[in-house]
Amino acid sequence: MSRRLLALLSTLLLITACLPSQEQDRHGAAATADLAVISLRIGDHPLTAEVADTAPLRAKGLMFRESLPPDHGMLFIWEQPEPVAMWMLNTPLPLSVAFIDARGRILNIARMQPHSRTLHHSDGAARYALEMPQGWFGQHQILPGHHVDGLPQ
């Protein structure tokens, strides 16, 4: 093969390797095919959540997402209730996180800033954390003490 053809093939391989392996939905959010999606409800407010229930999925979270559809977020699940903390490394979206105990009760809600390394801690042992667009909980008057229905056991 000529050098020119080899260079072209190398460039094409590099470009292909750099393309996102995730499809873009109509809202511009990278929809990850390997994530389960569940329906939850807090009071009268339904929402849809992608599920991050393994260490690698929890570590990635909503990193690199540019947007989320309305009333969509991500539910993080740990095997056992424990004190947990979240940060926003490589996450361009402003988010709020609700830390939730094993019974489904919201322990506390924290506002998180894009790309921040500030740790936001649960106020007690959390089994779940629900990330939603910043302001979503306030807009729906959802506070600590409210119950989240539909959580997987």
N, C-alpha and C. Protein backbone atom coordinates (compact mmCIF):
# COMPACT_ATOMS: atom_id res chain seq x y z
N MET A 1 0.84 -1.18 0.00
CA MET A 1 0.00 0.00 0.00
C MET A 1 0.88 1.24 0.00
N SER A 2 0.36 2.24 -0.63
CA SER A 2 1.12 3.49 -0.68
C SER A 2 1.04 4.18 0.68
N ARG A 3 1.98 5.07 0.93
CA ARG A 3 1.99 5.83 2.18
C ARG A 3 0.75 6.70 2.30
N ARG A 4 0.34 7.23 1.15
CA ARG A 4 -0.84 8.09 1.16
C ARG A 4 -2.09 7.32 1.58
N LEU A 5 -2.26 6.10 1.07
CA LEU A 5 -3.40 5.27 1.42
C LEU A 5 -3.32 4.86 2.89
N LEU A 6 -2.13 4.49 3.36
CA LEU A 6 -1.96 4.15 4.77
C LEU A 6 -2.29 5.34 5.67
N ALA A 7 -1.87 6.53 5.28
CA ALA A 7 -2.17 7.73 6.08
C ALA A 7 -3.67 7.98 6.11
N LEU A 8 -4.34 7.81 4.97
CA LEU A 8 -5.78 8.00 4.90
C LEU A 8 -6.51 6.98 5.79
N LEU A 9 -6.11 5.72 5.70
CA LEU A 9 -6.73 4.69 6.54
C LEU A 9 -6.49 4.96 8.02
N SER A 10 -5.30 5.37 8.37
CA SER A 10 -4.99 5.70 9.77
C SER A 10 -5.86 6.85 10.26
N THR A 11 -6.03 7.86 9.42
CA THR A 11 -6.87 9.00 9.79
C THR A 11 -8.32 8.57 9.98
N LEU A 12 -8.83 7.75 9.06
CA LEU A 12 -10.20 7.26 9.19
C LEU A 12 -10.39 6.42 10.45
N LEU A 13 -9.42 5.58 10.77
CA LEU A 13 -9.51 4.79 12.00
C LEU A 13 -9.50 5.69 13.23
N LEU A 14 -8.68 6.70 13.23
CA LEU A 14 -8.61 7.63 14.36
C LEU A 14 -9.92 8.39 14.51
N ILE A 15 -10.48 8.86 13.41
CA ILE A 15 -11.75 9.58 13.46
C ILE A 15 -12.85 8.66 13.98
N THR A 16 -12.90 7.42 13.47
CA THR A 16 -13.91 6.47 13.91
C THR A 16 -13.77 6.17 15.40
N ALA A 17 -12.55 6.03 15.88
CA ALA A 17 -12.33 5.75 17.30
C ALA A 17 -12.76 6.91 18.17
N CYS A 18 -12.72 8.12 17.66
CA CYS A 18 -13.09 9.29 18.44
C CYS A 18 -14.57 9.62 18.40
N LEU A 19 -15.32 8.99 17.49
CA LEU A 19 -16.75 9.26 17.42
C LEU A 19 -17.43 8.72 18.66
N PRO A 20 -18.45 9.42 19.15
CA PRO A 20 -19.16 8.91 20.32
C PRO A 20 -19.83 7.59 20.01
N SER A 21 -19.80 6.69 20.98
CA SER A 21 -20.44 5.40 20.78
C SER A 21 -21.89 5.44 21.23
N GLN A 22 -22.37 6.62 21.60
CA GLN A 22 -23.74 6.77 22.08
C GLN A 22 -24.53 7.56 21.05
N GLU A 23 -25.80 7.23 20.92
CA GLU A 23 -26.67 7.97 20.00
C GLU A 23 -27.16 9.23 20.69
N GLN A 24 -27.36 10.27 19.91
CA GLN A 24 -27.91 11.51 20.44
C GLN A 24 -29.42 11.47 20.32
N ASP A 25 -30.13 11.78 21.42
CA ASP A 25 -31.58 11.84 21.32
C ASP A 25 -32.00 13.21 20.82
N ARG A 26 -33.30 13.43 20.68
CA ARG A 26 -33.78 14.68 20.09
C ARG A 26 -33.52 15.87 20.98
N HIS A 27 -33.13 15.66 22.22
CA HIS A 27 -32.81 16.77 23.13
C HIS A 27 -31.30 17.02 23.19
N GLY A 28 -30.51 16.25 22.43
CA GLY A 28 -29.07 16.44 22.44
C GLY A 28 -28.38 15.70 23.56
N ALA A 29 -29.10 14.95 24.36
CA ALA A 29 -28.48 14.20 25.45
C ALA A 29 -27.95 12.89 24.90
N ALA A 30 -26.78 12.53 25.35
CA ALA A 30 -26.22 11.25 24.93
C ALA A 30 -26.95 10.15 25.67
N ALA A 31 -27.77 9.41 24.96
CA ALA A 31 -28.53 8.33 25.57
C ALA A 31 -27.67 7.09 25.59
N THR A 32 -27.37 6.58 26.76
CA THR A 32 -26.52 5.43 26.89
C THR A 32 -27.36 4.17 26.77
N ALA A 33 -27.04 3.35 25.78
CA ALA A 33 -27.86 2.18 25.48
C ALA A 33 -27.83 1.14 26.60
N ASP A 34 -26.77 1.08 27.38
CA ASP A 34 -26.67 0.03 28.39
C ASP A 34 -27.30 0.40 29.73
N LEU A 35 -27.95 1.53 29.82
CA LEU A 35 -28.59 1.94 31.07
C LEU A 35 -30.07 1.59 31.06
N ALA A 36 -30.53 0.99 32.16
CA ALA A 36 -31.96 0.76 32.33
C ALA A 36 -32.62 2.10 32.60
N VAL A 37 -33.88 2.21 32.25
CA VAL A 37 -34.65 3.43 32.49
C VAL A 37 -35.89 3.03 33.27
N ILE A 38 -36.19 3.78 34.35
CA ILE A 38 -37.36 3.47 35.17
C ILE A 38 -38.20 4.73 35.37
N SER A 39 -39.45 4.50 35.74
CA SER A 39 -40.36 5.60 36.07
C SER A 39 -40.44 5.71 37.59
N LEU A 40 -40.34 6.93 38.08
CA LEU A 40 -40.46 7.21 39.51
C LEU A 40 -41.53 8.27 39.70
N ARG A 41 -41.92 8.45 40.94
CA ARG A 41 -42.91 9.48 41.28
C ARG A 41 -42.55 10.03 42.65
N ILE A 42 -42.60 11.36 42.74
CA ILE A 42 -42.46 12.03 44.02
C ILE A 42 -43.72 12.87 44.18
N GLY A 43 -44.58 12.45 45.10
CA GLY A 43 -45.88 13.12 45.22
C GLY A 43 -46.66 12.98 43.93
N ASP A 44 -47.08 14.11 43.37
CA ASP A 44 -47.83 14.11 42.11
C ASP A 44 -46.94 14.29 40.89
N HIS A 45 -45.63 14.16 41.07
CA HIS A 45 -44.69 14.49 40.00
C HIS A 45 -43.99 13.25 39.45
N PRO A 46 -44.39 12.80 38.25
CA PRO A 46 -43.70 11.67 37.63
C PRO A 46 -42.38 12.12 37.01
N LEU A 47 -41.43 11.19 36.96
CA LEU A 47 -40.15 11.47 36.30
C LEU A 47 -39.59 10.18 35.75
N THR A 48 -38.66 10.31 34.84
CA THR A 48 -37.98 9.17 34.24
C THR A 48 -36.52 9.25 34.63
N ALA A 49 -35.96 8.10 35.04
CA ALA A 49 -34.56 8.10 35.48
C ALA A 49 -33.79 6.96 34.83
N GLU A 50 -32.61 7.29 34.34
CA GLU A 50 -31.66 6.26 33.91
C GLU A 50 -31.05 5.71 35.19
N VAL A 51 -30.73 4.43 35.20
CA VAL A 51 -30.25 3.77 36.41
C VAL A 51 -28.75 3.52 36.33
N ALA A 52 -28.03 4.02 37.34
CA ALA A 52 -26.60 3.75 37.48
C ALA A 52 -26.44 2.91 38.74
N ASP A 53 -26.35 1.58 38.55
CA ASP A 53 -26.35 0.68 39.70
C ASP A 53 -25.08 -0.16 39.84
N THR A 54 -24.04 0.19 39.10
CA THR A 54 -22.74 -0.46 39.26
C THR A 54 -21.69 0.63 39.48
N ALA A 55 -20.56 0.26 40.02
CA ALA A 55 -19.51 1.24 40.29
C ALA A 55 -19.11 2.01 39.02
N PRO A 56 -18.89 1.35 37.87
CA PRO A 56 -18.52 2.11 36.67
C PRO A 56 -19.63 3.06 36.21
N LEU A 57 -20.89 2.63 36.28
CA LEU A 57 -21.98 3.50 35.87
C LEU A 57 -22.14 4.68 36.83
N ARG A 58 -21.99 4.42 38.14
CA ARG A 58 -22.06 5.52 39.11
C ARG A 58 -20.92 6.49 38.91
N ALA A 59 -19.73 5.98 38.58
CA ALA A 59 -18.57 6.86 38.37
C ALA A 59 -18.78 7.76 37.16
N LYS A 60 -19.40 7.25 36.10
CA LYS A 60 -19.63 8.05 34.90
C LYS A 60 -20.81 9.00 35.07
N GLY A 61 -21.88 8.51 35.68
CA GLY A 61 -23.04 9.36 35.92
C GLY A 61 -23.49 10.10 34.66
N LEU A 62 -23.70 11.39 34.80
CA LEU A 62 -24.14 12.23 33.68
C LEU A 62 -22.99 13.03 33.07
N MET A 63 -21.77 12.54 33.24
CA MET A 63 -20.62 13.21 32.65
C MET A 63 -20.82 13.42 31.15
N PHE A 64 -20.39 14.56 30.68
CA PHE A 64 -20.35 14.93 29.27
C PHE A 64 -21.73 15.15 28.64
N ARG A 65 -22.80 15.04 29.40
CA ARG A 65 -24.13 15.30 28.87
C ARG A 65 -24.32 16.80 28.70
N GLU A 66 -24.89 17.19 27.60
CA GLU A 66 -25.16 18.60 27.31
C GLU A 66 -26.56 19.02 27.73
N SER A 67 -27.49 18.04 27.77
CA SER A 67 -28.87 18.36 28.15
C SER A 67 -29.58 17.08 28.57
N LEU A 68 -30.74 17.27 29.18
CA LEU A 68 -31.63 16.17 29.55
C LEU A 68 -33.03 16.51 29.07
N PRO A 69 -33.80 15.50 28.68
CA PRO A 69 -35.21 15.77 28.35
C PRO A 69 -35.95 16.26 29.60
N PRO A 70 -37.09 16.90 29.42
CA PRO A 70 -37.87 17.36 30.58
C PRO A 70 -38.23 16.19 31.51
N ASP A 71 -38.14 16.45 32.80
CA ASP A 71 -38.49 15.47 33.84
C ASP A 71 -37.68 14.18 33.75
N HIS A 72 -36.44 14.29 33.31
CA HIS A 72 -35.53 13.15 33.25
C HIS A 72 -34.31 13.41 34.12
N GLY A 73 -33.79 12.32 34.69
CA GLY A 73 -32.59 12.41 35.50
C GLY A 73 -31.90 11.08 35.57
N MET A 74 -31.07 10.92 36.61
CA MET A 74 -30.34 9.67 36.80
C MET A 74 -30.46 9.24 38.25
N LEU A 75 -30.77 7.95 38.44
CA LEU A 75 -30.87 7.36 39.76
C LEU A 75 -29.62 6.52 40.01
N PHE A 76 -28.89 6.86 41.05
CA PHE A 76 -27.72 6.10 41.47
C PHE A 76 -28.16 5.16 42.58
N ILE A 77 -27.73 3.91 42.50
CA ILE A 77 -28.13 2.91 43.49
C ILE A 77 -26.88 2.24 44.05
N TRP A 78 -26.83 2.15 45.39
CA TRP A 78 -25.76 1.42 46.07
C TRP A 78 -26.35 0.14 46.66
N GLU A 79 -25.52 -0.88 46.82
CA GLU A 79 -25.96 -2.17 47.35
C GLU A 79 -26.52 -2.04 48.77
N GLN A 80 -25.84 -1.26 49.59
CA GLN A 80 -26.23 -1.08 50.98
C GLN A 80 -26.31 0.41 51.29
N PRO A 81 -27.18 0.81 52.21
CA PRO A 81 -27.20 2.22 52.62
C PRO A 81 -25.86 2.60 53.25
N GLU A 82 -25.35 3.76 52.87
CA GLU A 82 -24.08 4.24 53.39
C GLU A 82 -23.99 5.75 53.16
N PRO A 83 -23.15 6.43 53.91
CA PRO A 83 -22.93 7.85 53.61
C PRO A 83 -22.27 7.95 52.23
N VAL A 84 -22.81 8.77 51.36
CA VAL A 84 -22.27 8.92 50.00
C VAL A 84 -22.04 10.39 49.69
N ALA A 85 -21.24 10.63 48.67
CA ALA A 85 -20.96 11.99 48.21
C ALA A 85 -20.94 12.00 46.69
N MET A 86 -21.34 13.12 46.11
CA MET A 86 -21.37 13.29 44.66
C MET A 86 -20.58 14.54 44.31
N TRP A 87 -20.03 14.57 43.09
CA TRP A 87 -19.38 15.76 42.56
C TRP A 87 -19.73 15.88 41.10
N MET A 88 -19.23 16.94 40.45
CA MET A 88 -19.65 17.24 39.08
C MET A 88 -18.50 17.24 38.08
N LEU A 89 -17.45 16.49 38.35
CA LEU A 89 -16.32 16.42 37.45
C LEU A 89 -16.79 16.05 36.04
N ASN A 90 -16.40 16.82 35.05
CA ASN A 90 -16.73 16.59 33.63
C ASN A 90 -18.23 16.59 33.34
N THR A 91 -19.00 17.25 34.18
CA THR A 91 -20.44 17.32 33.98
C THR A 91 -20.83 18.77 33.69
N PRO A 92 -21.22 19.09 32.45
CA PRO A 92 -21.52 20.47 32.09
C PRO A 92 -22.91 20.95 32.50
N LEU A 93 -23.79 20.04 32.92
CA LEU A 93 -25.15 20.42 33.30
C LEU A 93 -25.22 20.88 34.75
N PRO A 94 -25.92 21.95 35.06
CA PRO A 94 -26.19 22.26 36.46
C PRO A 94 -27.25 21.29 36.97
N LEU A 95 -26.96 20.60 38.04
CA LEU A 95 -27.85 19.57 38.57
C LEU A 95 -28.13 19.79 40.05
N SER A 96 -29.21 19.19 40.49
CA SER A 96 -29.49 19.04 41.93
C SER A 96 -29.55 17.56 42.20
N VAL A 97 -29.13 17.17 43.41
CA VAL A 97 -29.16 15.76 43.78
C VAL A 97 -29.96 15.60 45.07
N ALA A 98 -30.85 14.63 45.06
CA ALA A 98 -31.59 14.25 46.26
C ALA A 98 -30.99 12.94 46.76
N PHE A 99 -30.51 12.94 47.99
CA PHE A 99 -30.02 11.72 48.62
C PHE A 99 -31.21 11.05 49.30
N ILE A 100 -31.37 9.75 49.09
CA ILE A 100 -32.57 9.03 49.49
C ILE A 100 -32.19 7.80 50.31
N ASP A 101 -32.89 7.59 51.42
CA ASP A 101 -32.58 6.43 52.26
C ASP A 101 -33.21 5.16 51.70
N ALA A 102 -32.99 4.02 52.37
CA ALA A 102 -33.46 2.72 51.88
C ALA A 102 -34.98 2.62 51.85
N ARG A 103 -35.68 3.44 52.64
CA ARG A 103 -37.14 3.42 52.65
C ARG A 103 -37.75 4.33 51.58
N GLY A 104 -36.90 5.08 50.87
CA GLY A 104 -37.38 5.98 49.83
C GLY A 104 -37.59 7.41 50.28
N ARG A 105 -37.16 7.74 51.50
CA ARG A 105 -37.33 9.09 52.04
C ARG A 105 -36.14 9.96 51.65
N ILE A 106 -36.42 11.15 51.15
CA ILE A 106 -35.35 12.08 50.77
C ILE A 106 -34.69 12.62 52.05
N LEU A 107 -33.39 12.40 52.16
CA LEU A 107 -32.61 12.87 53.30
C LEU A 107 -32.26 14.34 53.17
N ASN A 108 -31.72 14.72 52.03
CA ASN A 108 -31.34 16.10 51.76
C ASN A 108 -31.19 16.29 50.26
N ILE A 109 -31.22 17.55 49.85
CA ILE A 109 -31.08 17.92 48.44
C ILE A 109 -29.97 18.95 48.34
N ALA A 110 -29.08 18.76 47.37
CA ALA A 110 -27.96 19.68 47.18
C ALA A 110 -27.95 20.20 45.75
N ARG A 111 -27.62 21.49 45.60
CA ARG A 111 -27.45 22.09 44.27
C ARG A 111 -25.98 21.96 43.89
N MET A 112 -25.74 21.46 42.68
CA MET A 112 -24.37 21.22 42.23
C MET A 112 -24.08 22.06 40.98
N GLN A 113 -22.89 22.61 40.94
CA GLN A 113 -22.48 23.46 39.82
C GLN A 113 -21.68 22.66 38.79
N PRO A 114 -21.84 22.99 37.51
CA PRO A 114 -21.11 22.28 36.45
C PRO A 114 -19.60 22.26 36.69
N HIS A 115 -19.00 21.13 36.40
CA HIS A 115 -17.55 20.91 36.43
C HIS A 115 -16.92 21.10 37.82
N SER A 116 -17.72 21.18 38.86
CA SER A 116 -17.19 21.41 40.20
C SER A 116 -16.68 20.11 40.81
N ARG A 117 -15.60 20.24 41.58
CA ARG A 117 -15.07 19.11 42.34
C ARG A 117 -15.53 19.15 43.79
N THR A 118 -16.42 20.08 44.10
CA THR A 118 -16.97 20.18 45.45
C THR A 118 -17.78 18.93 45.74
N LEU A 119 -17.53 18.31 46.88
CA LEU A 119 -18.29 17.13 47.28
C LEU A 119 -19.57 17.54 47.98
N HIS A 120 -20.66 16.90 47.61
CA HIS A 120 -21.96 17.10 48.22
C HIS A 120 -22.32 15.78 48.91
N HIS A 121 -22.50 15.83 50.23
CA HIS A 121 -22.67 14.63 51.04
C HIS A 121 -24.12 14.37 51.41
N SER A 122 -24.43 13.10 51.57
CA SER A 122 -25.75 12.73 52.08
C SER A 122 -25.79 13.00 53.58
N ASP A 123 -26.96 13.39 54.07
CA ASP A 123 -27.17 13.60 55.50
C ASP A 123 -27.62 12.27 56.12
N GLY A 124 -26.74 11.31 56.11
CA GLY A 124 -27.06 9.99 56.65
C GLY A 124 -26.79 8.91 55.61
N ALA A 125 -27.19 7.70 55.94
CA ALA A 125 -26.97 6.56 55.06
C ALA A 125 -27.97 6.61 53.90
N ALA A 126 -27.46 6.71 52.70
CA ALA A 126 -28.29 6.77 51.50
C ALA A 126 -28.15 5.47 50.72
N ARG A 127 -29.22 4.99 50.19
CA ARG A 127 -29.20 3.85 49.28
C ARG A 127 -29.29 4.32 47.84
N TYR A 128 -29.85 5.54 47.66
CA TYR A 128 -30.07 6.10 46.33
C TYR A 128 -29.66 7.57 46.32
N ALA A 129 -29.36 8.05 45.12
CA ALA A 129 -29.21 9.49 44.87
C ALA A 129 -29.88 9.75 43.52
N LEU A 130 -30.69 10.78 43.47
CA LEU A 130 -31.41 11.12 42.24
C LEU A 130 -30.94 12.48 41.76
N GLU A 131 -30.26 12.50 40.60
CA GLU A 131 -29.83 13.76 39.99
C GLU A 131 -30.88 14.20 38.98
N MET A 132 -31.27 15.46 39.11
CA MET A 132 -32.23 16.09 38.20
C MET A 132 -31.68 17.45 37.80
N PRO A 133 -32.20 18.04 36.71
CA PRO A 133 -31.74 19.39 36.36
C PRO A 133 -31.90 20.33 37.56
N GLN A 134 -30.93 21.21 37.72
CA GLN A 134 -30.95 22.13 38.85
C GLN A 134 -32.25 22.92 38.87
N GLY A 135 -32.86 22.97 40.04
CA GLY A 135 -34.11 23.69 40.21
C GLY A 135 -35.34 22.80 40.09
N TRP A 136 -35.20 21.58 39.58
CA TRP A 136 -36.36 20.71 39.38
C TRP A 136 -37.07 20.42 40.70
N PHE A 137 -36.32 20.10 41.74
CA PHE A 137 -36.94 19.78 43.03
C PHE A 137 -37.67 21.02 43.58
N GLY A 138 -37.05 22.18 43.50
CA GLY A 138 -37.68 23.41 43.98
C GLY A 138 -38.92 23.77 43.20
N GLN A 139 -38.87 23.62 41.88
CA GLN A 139 -40.04 23.92 41.04
C GLN A 139 -41.24 23.07 41.41
N HIS A 140 -40.98 21.86 41.90
CA HIS A 140 -42.06 20.94 42.25
C HIS A 140 -42.29 20.89 43.76
N GLN A 141 -41.67 21.80 44.48
CA GLN A 141 -41.80 21.91 45.93
C GLN A 141 -41.51 20.59 46.64
N ILE A 142 -40.47 19.92 46.16
CA ILE A 142 -40.03 18.66 46.76
C ILE A 142 -38.93 18.97 47.76
N LEU A 143 -39.10 18.46 48.98
CA LEU A 143 -38.21 18.78 50.10
C LEU A 143 -37.73 17.50 50.79
N PRO A 144 -36.69 17.63 51.62
CA PRO A 144 -36.32 16.48 52.45
C PRO A 144 -37.54 16.00 53.24
N GLY A 145 -37.65 14.68 53.36
CA GLY A 145 -38.79 14.09 54.02
C GLY A 145 -39.82 13.54 53.05
N HIS A 146 -39.86 14.07 51.81
CA HIS A 146 -40.78 13.53 50.82
C HIS A 146 -40.34 12.11 50.44
N HIS A 147 -41.30 11.34 49.95
CA HIS A 147 -41.05 9.95 49.60
C HIS A 147 -40.97 9.78 48.08
N VAL A 148 -40.03 8.95 47.62
CA VAL A 148 -39.87 8.62 46.19
C VAL A 148 -40.48 7.25 45.96
N ASP A 149 -41.47 7.17 45.10
CA ASP A 149 -42.13 5.90 44.78
C ASP A 149 -41.53 5.30 43.52
N GLY A 150 -41.46 3.95 43.49
CA GLY A 150 -40.99 3.24 42.30
C GLY A 150 -39.52 2.85 42.35
N LEU A 151 -38.86 3.09 43.49
CA LEU A 151 -37.44 2.75 43.60
C LEU A 151 -37.26 1.23 43.58
N PRO A 152 -36.27 0.74 42.84
CA PRO A 152 -36.01 -0.71 42.85
C PRO A 152 -35.45 -1.13 44.21
N GLN A 153 -35.85 -2.30 44.64
CA GLN A 153 -35.35 -2.84 45.91
C GLN A 153 -34.21 -3.77 45.61
